[in-house]
Amino acid sequence: MIWSFIKIALFLIVVAAATLGLAHLAEMTGGLRITTLGMEFTLGPLQAVIAAIILFIAIWIVIRVVGLVVAFLRFLAGDETAITRYFDRHRERKGYQALSEGLLAAASGEGKLAMSKAAKAERYLQRPELTNLLTAQAAEASGDSKKATEVYKRLLADDRTRFVGIRGLLRQKLEEGDTETALKLAQKAYAIKPRHREVQDTLLGLQTETGDWKGAREILQAKMRQGELPRDVHKRRDAVLALQEAKGVWQEGASVEAREAAISAAKASPDLVPAVVMAARAYIDKGKKGAAERILRKAWEVRPHPDLATAFAEITPDETPDARLKRFSKLLSSRPDHEETRLLKAELNIAAEDFPAARRALGDLVETHPTARSLTIMAAVERGEGAEDVVVRGWLARALTAPRGPQWCCDKCQNIQSEWTPICDNCGGFDTLSWREPQQAQSPLPHGAEMLPLIVGKPSAEPSPKKEDETEDAPIQDAEIVDPPKEEGGAASASKETQSGTATA
């Protein structure tokens, strides 16, 4: 509004100045005297100005006529497009000016202005490969997605603009959430320009979202060959994709391919716990128990995890608790000071009914890092050593409000998942889950659960003498805490049970 007012004011000032100038020239005496070919012309000041304007126009016309004559002579010399170029030059200048103005309008978000400039540029230039793109961008800026789709489809007819049209349609389908169509468009765009980084990333994301793990591995390999992905990052992500591919093949029943894929993924990334577990089970199915032990022990050295202990127990599922404790000593010796090792050793000793050894293995974890699992194990130790029910209930009450310990947490959005997946369920991040404790503080349980230690008794309470009529039907049963599972998983799988000890309590 202010700029329009300024332009009107400037126009009025220019008109007033011109009027005053012409009036001043009309009042002036003297003039311009021109002598030529024996003739003399005397022009007044106003007449001189008018003559100068006429002379300028005449010169411009002469230049245009000379240009037309030159174009005609070129046409006679054999240049068939000389005259056409002469007349189109002015149209092209106007067309390119409209095109540049339309691009600026589209970039600034003025969709309607960009649409009008695009139509003007098309009228002058007659070059749809340029104006169609501007029209599509202007339609998107103005919110006319139907018009944009129509223009993008027109771009598909020209080989020079096919990629641009596919990319525009792909972007629209992604915004609409049409994953199936977007995947097909991304594959076509990748076939045209396989080195286009944006297309690679889009196709990789769609393939992982739809479960096309084999295709995603090919894209990942291409990115690594082009130098856009470091080798160590490629190695890790390829292992993740190989693991998911193995899971899919395993579910389909083709165990041979699944075993090889799982073993390959475990070798590529020993810290990828799900891959190691699957590879160990593949070795167990093939009867190679030694290979299963070696791959699990190597992974335990890198990152101790309860799932590794569960798979290690599955190697010999029918062994006695003492034999299992002895066999697990090879696994426990690699990281003896790690918290997971100490918890696992305590669970194995509980299964073997060696409660003092379990207490020694647990050490001061219940004080330095109390978790639901460590506190539940301590309750089992107290029960095994014959402590009063009030003491056992005190430990279990603390377990109710204690943190759960390490879990699968997303490094991007801090989402917590019960099982590892290559893609975060919350933010969709690829390979962002890591085994660690959540960053956010644990919220207290409702209904005053944090007061349970005061209600049922504290773990440090003095043991009271048993009553003679006290029966074995205590509120907390021994079997719920002490007895190890009899089937595969054994004492090692108690790590998962103790984490769910809160619910049992």
Protein backbone atom coordinates (compact mmCIF):
# COMPACT_ATOMS: atom_id res chain seq x y z
CA MET A 1 0.00 0.00 0.00
CA ILE A 2 2.79 2.45 0.92
CA TRP A 3 4.78 1.53 -2.19
CA SER A 4 1.73 2.20 -4.42
CA PHE A 5 1.29 5.61 -2.81
CA ILE A 6 4.99 6.38 -3.40
CA LYS A 7 4.75 5.42 -7.08
CA ILE A 8 1.67 7.61 -7.61
CA ALA A 9 3.39 10.53 -5.88
CA LEU A 10 6.51 10.14 -8.04
CA PHE A 11 4.40 10.03 -11.21
CA LEU A 12 2.64 13.28 -10.26
CA ILE A 13 5.96 14.94 -9.50
CA VAL A 14 7.41 13.89 -12.89
CA VAL A 15 4.31 15.18 -14.74
CA ALA A 16 4.43 18.49 -12.89
CA ALA A 17 8.16 18.89 -13.57
CA ALA A 18 7.66 18.15 -17.29
CA THR A 19 4.80 20.67 -17.48
CA LEU A 20 6.85 23.37 -15.79
CA GLY A 21 9.81 22.62 -18.02
CA LEU A 22 7.78 22.86 -21.22
CA ALA A 23 6.17 26.12 -20.05
CA HIS A 24 9.61 27.54 -19.32
CA LEU A 25 10.87 26.55 -22.77
CA ALA A 26 7.84 28.18 -24.40
CA GLU A 27 8.58 31.48 -22.67
CA MET A 28 12.27 31.49 -23.58
CA THR A 29 13.54 33.75 -26.39
CA GLY A 30 16.01 32.64 -29.01
CA GLY A 31 16.15 29.17 -30.38
CA LEU A 32 18.09 26.63 -32.43
CA ARG A 33 19.37 27.61 -35.89
CA ILE A 34 20.13 24.83 -38.39
CA THR A 35 21.80 25.56 -41.77
CA THR A 36 22.01 22.81 -44.39
CA LEU A 37 22.09 22.64 -48.22
CA GLY A 38 21.77 26.43 -48.47
CA MET A 39 18.68 26.46 -46.30
CA GLU A 40 18.35 27.84 -42.78
CA PHE A 41 15.92 26.62 -40.10
CA THR A 42 15.24 28.40 -36.84
CA LEU A 43 13.52 26.42 -34.08
CA GLY A 44 12.25 27.72 -30.82
CA PRO A 45 13.19 25.97 -27.55
CA LEU A 46 10.02 23.87 -27.42
CA GLN A 47 10.31 23.03 -31.08
CA ALA A 48 13.93 21.96 -30.53
CA VAL A 49 12.90 19.51 -27.81
CA ILE A 50 10.18 18.05 -30.00
CA ALA A 51 12.63 17.76 -32.90
CA ALA A 52 15.12 15.92 -30.68
CA ILE A 53 12.46 13.42 -29.65
CA ILE A 54 11.44 12.88 -33.26
CA LEU A 55 15.09 12.42 -34.26
CA PHE A 56 15.57 9.79 -31.51
CA ILE A 57 12.51 7.88 -32.70
CA ALA A 58 13.71 8.09 -36.31
CA ILE A 59 17.12 6.70 -35.38
CA TRP A 60 15.49 3.81 -33.52
CA ILE A 61 13.31 3.03 -36.54
CA VAL A 62 16.33 3.13 -38.84
CA ILE A 63 18.17 0.67 -36.58
CA ARG A 64 15.20 -1.71 -36.61
CA VAL A 65 14.88 -1.45 -40.40
CA VAL A 66 18.59 -2.07 -40.86
CA GLY A 67 18.31 -5.14 -38.62
CA LEU A 68 15.38 -6.41 -40.69
CA VAL A 69 17.33 -5.85 -43.90
CA VAL A 70 20.33 -7.74 -42.51
CA ALA A 71 18.04 -10.62 -41.44
CA PHE A 72 16.50 -10.67 -44.92
CA LEU A 73 19.93 -10.77 -46.56
CA ARG A 74 20.88 -13.70 -44.27
CA PHE A 75 17.68 -15.45 -45.28
CA LEU A 76 18.61 -15.02 -48.93
CA ALA A 77 22.06 -16.39 -48.11
CA GLY A 78 20.51 -19.64 -46.82
CA ASP A 79 19.76 -18.98 -43.17
CA GLU A 80 16.13 -20.11 -43.07
CA THR A 81 15.52 -18.96 -39.48
CA ALA A 82 17.11 -15.52 -39.75
CA ILE A 83 13.84 -13.58 -40.19
CA THR A 84 12.08 -15.72 -37.54
CA ARG A 85 14.85 -15.05 -35.05
CA TYR A 86 14.65 -11.34 -35.78
CA PHE A 87 10.96 -11.16 -34.88
CA ASP A 88 11.28 -13.66 -31.98
CA ARG A 89 14.10 -11.78 -30.30
CA HIS A 90 11.78 -9.23 -28.79
CA ARG A 91 9.32 -11.94 -27.72
CA GLU A 92 12.11 -13.93 -26.09
CA ARG A 93 13.28 -10.91 -24.16
CA LYS A 94 9.79 -10.38 -22.78
CA GLY A 95 9.35 -14.09 -22.13
CA TYR A 96 12.59 -14.48 -20.20
CA GLN A 97 11.81 -11.38 -18.22
CA ALA A 98 8.42 -12.85 -17.27
CA LEU A 99 10.11 -16.17 -16.45
CA SER A 100 12.64 -14.55 -14.12
CA GLU A 101 9.91 -12.53 -12.42
CA GLY A 102 7.83 -15.70 -12.00
CA LEU A 103 10.76 -17.59 -10.42
CA LEU A 104 11.28 -14.77 -7.95
CA ALA A 105 7.57 -14.72 -7.14
CA ALA A 106 7.52 -18.50 -6.61
CA ALA A 107 10.58 -18.33 -4.36
CA SER A 108 8.95 -15.60 -2.26
CA GLY A 109 5.69 -17.58 -1.93
CA GLU A 110 3.53 -15.40 -4.19
CA GLY A 111 1.74 -18.25 -5.92
CA LYS A 112 -0.87 -16.30 -7.91
CA LEU A 113 1.69 -13.81 -9.23
CA ALA A 114 4.00 -16.65 -10.20
CA MET A 115 1.14 -18.39 -12.04
CA SER A 116 0.39 -15.26 -14.10
CA LYS A 117 4.06 -14.74 -14.92
CA ALA A 118 4.38 -18.39 -15.93
CA ALA A 119 1.40 -18.05 -18.30
CA LYS A 120 2.96 -14.92 -19.82
CA ALA A 121 6.33 -16.61 -20.23
CA GLU A 122 4.65 -19.59 -21.94
CA ARG A 123 2.84 -17.24 -24.33
CA TYR A 124 6.06 -15.53 -25.40
CA LEU A 125 8.60 -18.35 -25.24
CA GLN A 126 6.62 -21.45 -26.25
CA ARG A 127 9.11 -23.59 -24.29
CA PRO A 128 7.15 -25.89 -21.97
CA GLU A 129 10.29 -27.51 -20.53
CA LEU A 130 10.95 -24.19 -18.80
CA THR A 131 7.53 -22.77 -18.15
CA ASN A 132 5.88 -26.02 -16.97
CA LEU A 133 8.30 -26.30 -14.08
CA LEU A 134 7.55 -22.72 -13.03
CA THR A 135 3.83 -23.39 -13.35
CA ALA A 136 4.09 -26.49 -11.12
CA GLN A 137 6.08 -24.63 -8.48
CA ALA A 138 3.64 -21.72 -8.61
CA ALA A 139 0.69 -24.09 -8.26
CA GLU A 140 2.28 -25.70 -5.20
CA ALA A 141 3.00 -22.28 -3.70
CA SER A 142 -0.63 -21.28 -4.17
CA GLY A 143 -1.91 -24.60 -2.77
CA ASP A 144 -3.33 -25.94 -6.04
CA SER A 145 -1.99 -29.50 -5.81
CA LYS A 146 -4.29 -30.74 -8.56
CA LYS A 147 -2.83 -28.24 -11.04
CA ALA A 148 0.71 -29.11 -9.90
CA THR A 149 0.06 -32.83 -10.45
CA GLU A 150 -1.28 -32.12 -13.94
CA VAL A 151 1.81 -30.11 -14.86
CA TYR A 152 4.22 -32.70 -13.41
CA LYS A 153 2.54 -35.36 -15.53
CA ARG A 154 3.10 -33.19 -18.61
CA LEU A 155 6.78 -33.05 -17.73
CA LEU A 156 6.95 -36.86 -18.00
CA ALA A 157 6.42 -36.67 -21.75
CA ASP A 158 9.80 -35.01 -22.34
CA ASP A 159 13.00 -36.95 -21.68
CA ARG A 160 14.70 -33.74 -20.59
CA THR A 161 12.13 -33.10 -17.86
CA ARG A 162 11.10 -36.67 -16.96
CA PHE A 163 13.22 -36.77 -13.81
CA VAL A 164 11.86 -33.42 -12.64
CA GLY A 165 8.31 -34.62 -13.14
CA ILE A 166 8.90 -37.89 -11.28
CA ARG A 167 10.60 -36.06 -8.42
CA GLY A 168 7.70 -33.62 -8.14
CA LEU A 169 5.13 -36.41 -8.09
CA LEU A 170 7.24 -38.31 -5.56
CA ARG A 171 7.28 -35.33 -3.23
CA GLN A 172 3.50 -35.02 -3.51
CA LYS A 173 2.91 -38.72 -2.76
CA LEU A 174 5.16 -38.52 0.28
CA GLU A 175 3.16 -35.58 1.60
CA GLU A 176 -0.07 -37.52 0.99
CA GLY A 177 1.29 -40.61 2.75
CA ASP A 178 0.92 -42.86 -0.31
CA THR A 179 3.98 -45.01 0.45
CA GLU A 180 3.32 -47.64 -2.21
CA THR A 181 3.14 -45.17 -5.10
CA ALA A 182 6.02 -43.14 -3.68
CA LEU A 183 8.21 -46.25 -3.62
CA LYS A 184 7.53 -46.95 -7.31
CA LEU A 185 8.26 -43.32 -8.23
CA ALA A 186 11.48 -43.36 -6.18
CA GLN A 187 12.62 -46.51 -8.00
CA LYS A 188 11.97 -44.84 -11.37
CA ALA A 189 13.83 -41.71 -10.30
CA TYR A 190 16.74 -43.82 -9.07
CA ALA A 191 16.86 -45.64 -12.42
CA ILE A 192 17.21 -42.28 -14.21
CA LYS A 193 19.74 -40.73 -11.80
CA PRO A 194 21.28 -43.41 -9.56
CA ARG A 195 23.82 -40.98 -8.10
CA HIS A 196 21.23 -38.42 -6.94
CA ARG A 197 21.70 -38.20 -3.17
CA GLU A 198 18.17 -37.07 -2.29
CA VAL A 199 16.63 -39.86 -4.37
CA GLN A 200 18.95 -42.40 -2.74
CA ASP A 201 17.97 -41.31 0.76
CA THR A 202 14.27 -41.24 -0.09
CA LEU A 203 14.35 -44.68 -1.69
CA LEU A 204 16.36 -46.11 1.22
CA GLY A 205 13.86 -44.75 3.73
CA LEU A 206 10.89 -46.11 1.79
CA GLN A 207 12.51 -49.52 1.39
CA THR A 208 13.23 -49.85 5.10
CA GLU A 209 9.70 -48.68 5.88
CA THR A 210 8.14 -51.28 3.59
CA GLY A 211 10.55 -54.09 4.54
CA ASP A 212 12.48 -54.29 1.26
CA TRP A 213 15.74 -55.11 3.05
CA LYS A 214 17.50 -56.55 0.02
CA GLY A 215 16.86 -53.42 -2.03
CA ALA A 216 17.91 -51.22 0.87
CA ARG A 217 21.24 -53.08 1.10
CA GLU A 218 21.86 -52.39 -2.60
CA ILE A 219 21.25 -48.66 -2.12
CA LEU A 220 23.51 -48.68 0.92
CA GLN A 221 26.24 -50.35 -1.12
CA ALA A 222 25.88 -47.75 -3.88
CA LYS A 223 26.18 -44.89 -1.36
CA MET A 224 29.35 -46.43 0.04
CA ARG A 225 30.89 -46.82 -3.42
CA GLN A 226 30.17 -43.18 -4.21
CA GLY A 227 31.96 -42.10 -1.04
CA GLU A 228 28.85 -40.68 0.62
CA LEU A 229 28.92 -43.23 3.45
CA PRO A 230 31.97 -44.17 5.58
CA ARG A 231 32.90 -47.85 5.53
CA ASP A 232 32.36 -48.37 9.24
CA VAL A 233 28.87 -46.82 9.08
CA HIS A 234 28.05 -48.90 6.01
CA LYS A 235 29.27 -52.04 7.76
CA ARG A 236 27.02 -51.43 10.75
CA ARG A 237 23.91 -50.48 8.77
CA ASP A 238 24.39 -53.31 6.32
CA ALA A 239 24.51 -55.69 9.27
CA VAL A 240 21.22 -54.26 10.54
CA LEU A 241 19.61 -54.73 7.15
CA ALA A 242 21.07 -58.23 6.81
CA LEU A 243 19.58 -59.12 10.19
CA GLN A 244 16.13 -57.97 9.14
CA GLU A 245 16.48 -59.81 5.84
CA ALA A 246 17.42 -62.94 7.77
CA LYS A 247 14.38 -62.57 10.03
CA GLY A 248 12.11 -62.34 7.01
CA VAL A 249 13.65 -65.41 5.40
CA TRP A 250 13.48 -67.28 8.70
CA GLN A 251 9.78 -66.58 9.02
CA GLU A 252 9.24 -67.89 5.51
CA GLY A 253 10.88 -71.18 6.47
CA ALA A 254 14.01 -70.98 4.30
CA SER A 255 16.34 -71.66 7.20
CA VAL A 256 19.54 -72.10 5.16
CA GLU A 257 19.46 -68.57 3.73
CA ALA A 258 18.39 -67.17 7.09
CA ARG A 259 21.27 -68.84 8.91
CA GLU A 260 23.86 -67.57 6.48
CA ALA A 261 22.45 -64.04 6.54
CA ALA A 262 22.31 -63.99 10.34
CA ILE A 263 25.86 -65.32 10.67
CA SER A 264 27.09 -62.74 8.15
CA ALA A 265 25.37 -59.92 10.06
CA ALA A 266 26.84 -61.09 13.38
CA LYS A 267 30.35 -61.23 11.96
CA ALA A 268 29.99 -57.78 10.40
CA SER A 269 28.81 -56.16 13.66
CA PRO A 270 29.55 -58.13 16.87
CA ASP A 271 27.86 -55.46 18.99
CA LEU A 272 24.53 -56.01 17.21
CA VAL A 273 23.01 -58.25 19.88
CA PRO A 274 19.92 -59.45 17.92
CA ALA A 275 22.12 -60.54 15.02
CA VAL A 276 24.48 -62.43 17.33
CA VAL A 277 21.59 -64.19 19.05
CA MET A 278 20.08 -65.24 15.73
CA ALA A 279 23.45 -66.41 14.44
CA ALA A 280 24.04 -68.44 17.63
CA ARG A 281 20.65 -70.11 17.25
CA ALA A 282 21.47 -70.83 13.61
CA TYR A 283 24.67 -72.57 14.74
CA ILE A 284 22.71 -74.48 17.38
CA ASP A 285 20.24 -75.68 14.73
CA LYS A 286 23.18 -76.88 12.64
CA GLY A 287 24.66 -78.70 15.63
CA LYS A 288 27.70 -76.42 15.87
CA LYS A 289 27.59 -75.70 19.58
CA GLY A 290 31.24 -74.67 19.71
CA ALA A 291 30.70 -72.00 17.07
CA ALA A 292 27.64 -70.76 18.94
CA GLU A 293 29.66 -70.43 22.16
CA ARG A 294 32.48 -68.58 20.42
CA ILE A 295 30.22 -66.03 18.75
CA LEU A 296 28.32 -65.41 22.00
CA ARG A 297 31.50 -65.03 24.05
CA LYS A 298 32.91 -62.59 21.50
CA ALA A 299 29.73 -60.51 21.64
CA TRP A 300 29.74 -60.63 25.45
CA GLU A 301 33.23 -59.13 25.45
CA VAL A 302 31.92 -56.26 23.36
CA ARG A 303 28.56 -55.73 25.07
CA PRO A 304 27.10 -57.99 27.79
CA HIS A 305 23.37 -58.42 27.34
CA PRO A 306 20.65 -60.66 28.87
CA ASP A 307 19.67 -62.00 25.45
CA LEU A 308 23.20 -63.29 24.93
CA ALA A 309 22.98 -65.19 28.22
CA THR A 310 19.63 -66.65 27.20
CA ALA A 311 21.09 -67.88 23.90
CA PHE A 312 24.12 -69.26 25.74
CA ALA A 313 21.80 -71.27 27.97
CA GLU A 314 19.99 -72.67 24.92
CA ILE A 315 23.19 -74.40 23.78
CA THR A 316 22.65 -77.06 26.46
CA PRO A 317 19.09 -76.67 27.70
CA ASP A 318 18.87 -79.83 29.88
CA GLU A 319 21.93 -79.38 32.10
CA THR A 320 21.79 -79.15 35.89
CA PRO A 321 22.15 -75.78 37.63
CA ASP A 322 25.66 -76.70 38.85
CA ALA A 323 26.75 -77.79 35.39
CA ARG A 324 25.29 -74.62 33.90
CA LEU A 325 27.15 -72.47 36.43
CA LYS A 326 30.37 -74.22 35.51
CA ARG A 327 29.79 -73.83 31.75
CA PHE A 328 28.86 -70.16 32.14
CA SER A 329 32.17 -69.46 33.88
CA LYS A 330 33.79 -69.12 30.43
CA LEU A 331 31.31 -66.41 29.53
CA LEU A 332 31.48 -64.62 32.88
CA SER A 333 35.27 -64.47 32.93
CA SER A 334 35.49 -62.03 30.00
CA ARG A 335 33.80 -59.04 31.71
CA PRO A 336 33.77 -59.94 35.43
CA ASP A 337 33.21 -56.39 36.70
CA HIS A 338 30.36 -55.52 34.36
CA GLU A 339 26.98 -55.09 36.01
CA GLU A 340 25.28 -57.57 33.67
CA THR A 341 27.93 -60.18 34.48
CA ARG A 342 27.42 -59.75 38.22
CA LEU A 343 23.65 -59.99 37.92
CA LEU A 344 23.86 -63.09 35.72
CA LYS A 345 26.30 -64.75 38.11
CA ALA A 346 23.98 -64.04 41.04
CA GLU A 347 21.04 -65.58 39.14
CA LEU A 348 23.04 -68.69 38.30
CA ASN A 349 24.06 -69.14 41.95
CA ILE A 350 20.45 -68.71 43.03
CA ALA A 351 19.46 -71.47 40.61
CA ALA A 352 22.20 -73.64 42.12
CA GLU A 353 20.92 -72.69 45.62
CA ASP A 354 24.28 -71.17 46.58
CA PHE A 355 22.80 -68.03 48.12
CA PRO A 356 25.96 -66.72 49.84
CA ALA A 357 27.78 -66.85 46.49
CA ALA A 358 24.84 -65.03 44.91
CA ARG A 359 25.10 -62.31 47.55
CA ARG A 360 28.82 -61.98 46.92
CA ALA A 361 28.29 -61.76 43.16
CA LEU A 362 25.66 -59.09 43.63
CA GLY A 363 27.95 -57.05 45.88
CA ASP A 364 26.86 -53.48 46.51
CA LEU A 365 24.75 -53.09 43.35
CA VAL A 366 21.58 -52.75 45.44
CA GLU A 367 23.07 -49.62 46.98
CA THR A 368 25.19 -48.11 44.20
CA HIS A 369 22.79 -48.84 41.33
CA PRO A 370 19.47 -50.22 42.55
CA THR A 371 17.25 -51.50 39.76
CA ALA A 372 14.13 -53.63 39.72
CA ARG A 373 16.24 -56.60 38.66
CA SER A 374 19.00 -56.29 41.27
CA LEU A 375 16.50 -55.67 44.07
CA THR A 376 14.42 -58.68 43.03
CA ILE A 377 17.54 -60.84 42.99
CA MET A 378 18.33 -59.57 46.49
CA ALA A 379 14.84 -60.57 47.60
CA ALA A 380 15.49 -64.06 46.22
CA VAL A 381 18.78 -64.24 48.12
CA GLU A 382 17.09 -63.18 51.35
CA ARG A 383 14.36 -65.78 50.84
CA GLY A 384 16.92 -68.47 50.10
CA GLU A 385 18.86 -67.65 53.28
CA GLY A 386 15.69 -67.91 55.37
CA ALA A 387 15.00 -64.24 56.05
CA GLU A 388 11.66 -63.12 57.40
CA ASP A 389 8.84 -62.38 54.97
CA VAL A 390 8.89 -58.73 56.01
CA VAL A 391 12.47 -58.44 54.76
CA VAL A 392 11.68 -60.11 51.45
CA ARG A 393 8.62 -57.92 50.99
CA GLY A 394 10.72 -54.88 51.75
CA TRP A 395 13.15 -55.66 48.91
CA LEU A 396 10.30 -56.35 46.51
CA ALA A 397 8.59 -53.12 47.53
CA ARG A 398 11.75 -51.22 46.64
CA ALA A 399 11.82 -53.06 43.31
CA LEU A 400 8.35 -51.74 42.52
CA THR A 401 9.55 -48.14 42.35
CA ALA A 402 13.16 -48.73 41.22
CA PRO A 403 14.28 -48.03 37.63
CA ARG A 404 14.18 -50.97 35.28
CA GLY A 405 17.80 -50.53 34.24
CA PRO A 406 19.06 -50.71 30.66
CA GLN A 407 16.44 -50.91 27.92
CA TRP A 408 16.25 -50.41 24.18
CA CYS A 409 16.17 -46.60 23.89
CA CYS A 410 16.11 -44.44 20.79
CA ASP A 411 19.08 -42.07 20.65
CA LYS A 412 17.03 -39.64 18.56
CA CYS A 413 13.71 -39.28 20.39
CA GLN A 414 14.45 -41.21 23.65
CA ASN A 415 11.57 -43.60 22.97
CA ILE A 416 11.70 -46.90 24.91
CA GLN A 417 10.89 -50.21 23.21
CA SER A 418 10.59 -53.68 24.65
CA GLU A 419 12.38 -55.28 21.69
CA TRP A 420 15.05 -54.14 19.26
CA THR A 421 13.90 -53.07 15.80
CA PRO A 422 15.88 -51.39 13.01
CA ILE A 423 13.41 -48.49 12.89
CA CYS A 424 12.17 -46.57 15.91
CA ASP A 425 8.43 -46.98 16.38
CA ASN A 426 8.08 -43.35 17.45
CA CYS A 427 10.29 -41.18 15.22
CA GLY A 428 11.10 -43.62 12.39
CA GLY A 429 14.86 -43.26 12.89
CA PHE A 430 16.98 -45.97 11.31
CA ASP A 431 19.37 -47.87 13.58
CA THR A 432 18.86 -45.46 16.48
CA LEU A 433 18.10 -48.00 19.26
CA SER A 434 20.81 -48.69 21.80
CA TRP A 435 20.89 -50.76 25.00
CA ARG A 436 21.18 -48.22 27.79
CA GLU A 437 19.26 -46.62 30.62
CA PRO A 438 16.64 -44.02 29.64
CA GLN A 439 17.62 -40.38 30.07
CA GLN A 440 14.29 -39.22 31.44
CA ALA A 441 13.66 -39.61 35.13
CA GLN A 442 11.46 -42.46 36.30
CA SER A 443 8.03 -41.29 37.35
CA PRO A 444 6.68 -42.68 40.60
CA LEU A 445 3.94 -45.26 40.48
CA PRO A 446 0.43 -44.07 41.32
CA HIS A 447 -1.53 -44.67 44.53
CA GLY A 448 1.47 -44.06 46.75
CA ALA A 449 3.46 -47.10 45.65
CA GLU A 450 6.60 -45.28 46.76
CA MET A 451 5.31 -45.68 50.35
CA LEU A 452 5.21 -49.47 50.14
CA PRO A 453 8.51 -49.96 52.00
CA LEU A 454 6.99 -48.14 54.97
CA ILE A 455 3.85 -50.27 54.81
CA VAL A 456 5.25 -53.76 54.34
CA GLY A 457 8.59 -53.22 56.05
CA LYS A 458 12.10 -52.17 55.11
CA PRO A 459 14.80 -54.59 53.92
CA SER A 460 17.03 -53.59 56.81
CA ALA A 461 14.39 -54.41 59.43
CA GLU A 462 15.45 -56.71 62.23
CA PRO A 463 14.17 -60.25 61.66
CA SER A 464 11.38 -61.15 64.00
CA PRO A 465 11.06 -64.64 65.47
CA LYS A 466 8.82 -66.94 63.54
CA LYS A 467 5.51 -67.89 64.99
CA GLU A 468 4.99 -71.54 65.61
CA ASP A 469 1.79 -71.62 63.57
CA GLU A 470 3.39 -69.83 60.58
CA THR A 471 2.76 -71.87 57.45
CA GLU A 472 4.66 -72.08 54.19
CA ASP A 473 1.91 -70.15 52.39
CA ALA A 474 3.79 -66.87 52.59
CA PRO A 475 2.65 -63.95 50.48
CA ILE A 476 5.83 -64.27 48.40
CA GLN A 477 6.38 -67.80 47.21
CA ASP A 478 9.87 -69.23 46.89
CA ALA A 479 9.17 -70.66 43.49
CA GLU A 480 8.32 -67.24 42.13
CA ILE A 481 11.81 -65.98 42.88
CA VAL A 482 14.25 -68.84 43.30
CA ASP A 483 13.33 -71.69 41.04
CA PRO A 484 14.93 -71.40 37.60
CA PRO A 485 13.01 -72.28 34.44
CA LYS A 486 13.32 -75.88 33.43
CA GLU A 487 13.20 -75.45 29.67
CA GLU A 488 15.55 -73.71 27.30
CA GLY A 489 16.87 -70.42 28.58
CA GLY A 490 17.62 -71.93 32.02
CA ALA A 491 19.05 -69.81 34.74
CA ALA A 492 20.34 -67.31 32.24
CA SER A 493 16.84 -66.42 31.17
CA ALA A 494 16.13 -65.44 34.75
CA SER A 495 17.53 -62.08 33.74
CA LYS A 496 14.33 -61.40 31.87
CA GLU A 497 12.17 -62.79 34.69
CA THR A 498 13.80 -60.63 37.31
CA GLN A 499 13.16 -57.56 35.20
CA SER A 500 9.50 -58.43 35.35
CA GLY A 501 9.71 -59.21 39.08
CA THR A 502 7.78 -56.05 39.78
CA ALA A 503 4.70 -57.48 38.16
CA THR A 504 5.19 -60.79 39.99
CA ALA A 505 5.44 -58.97 43.29
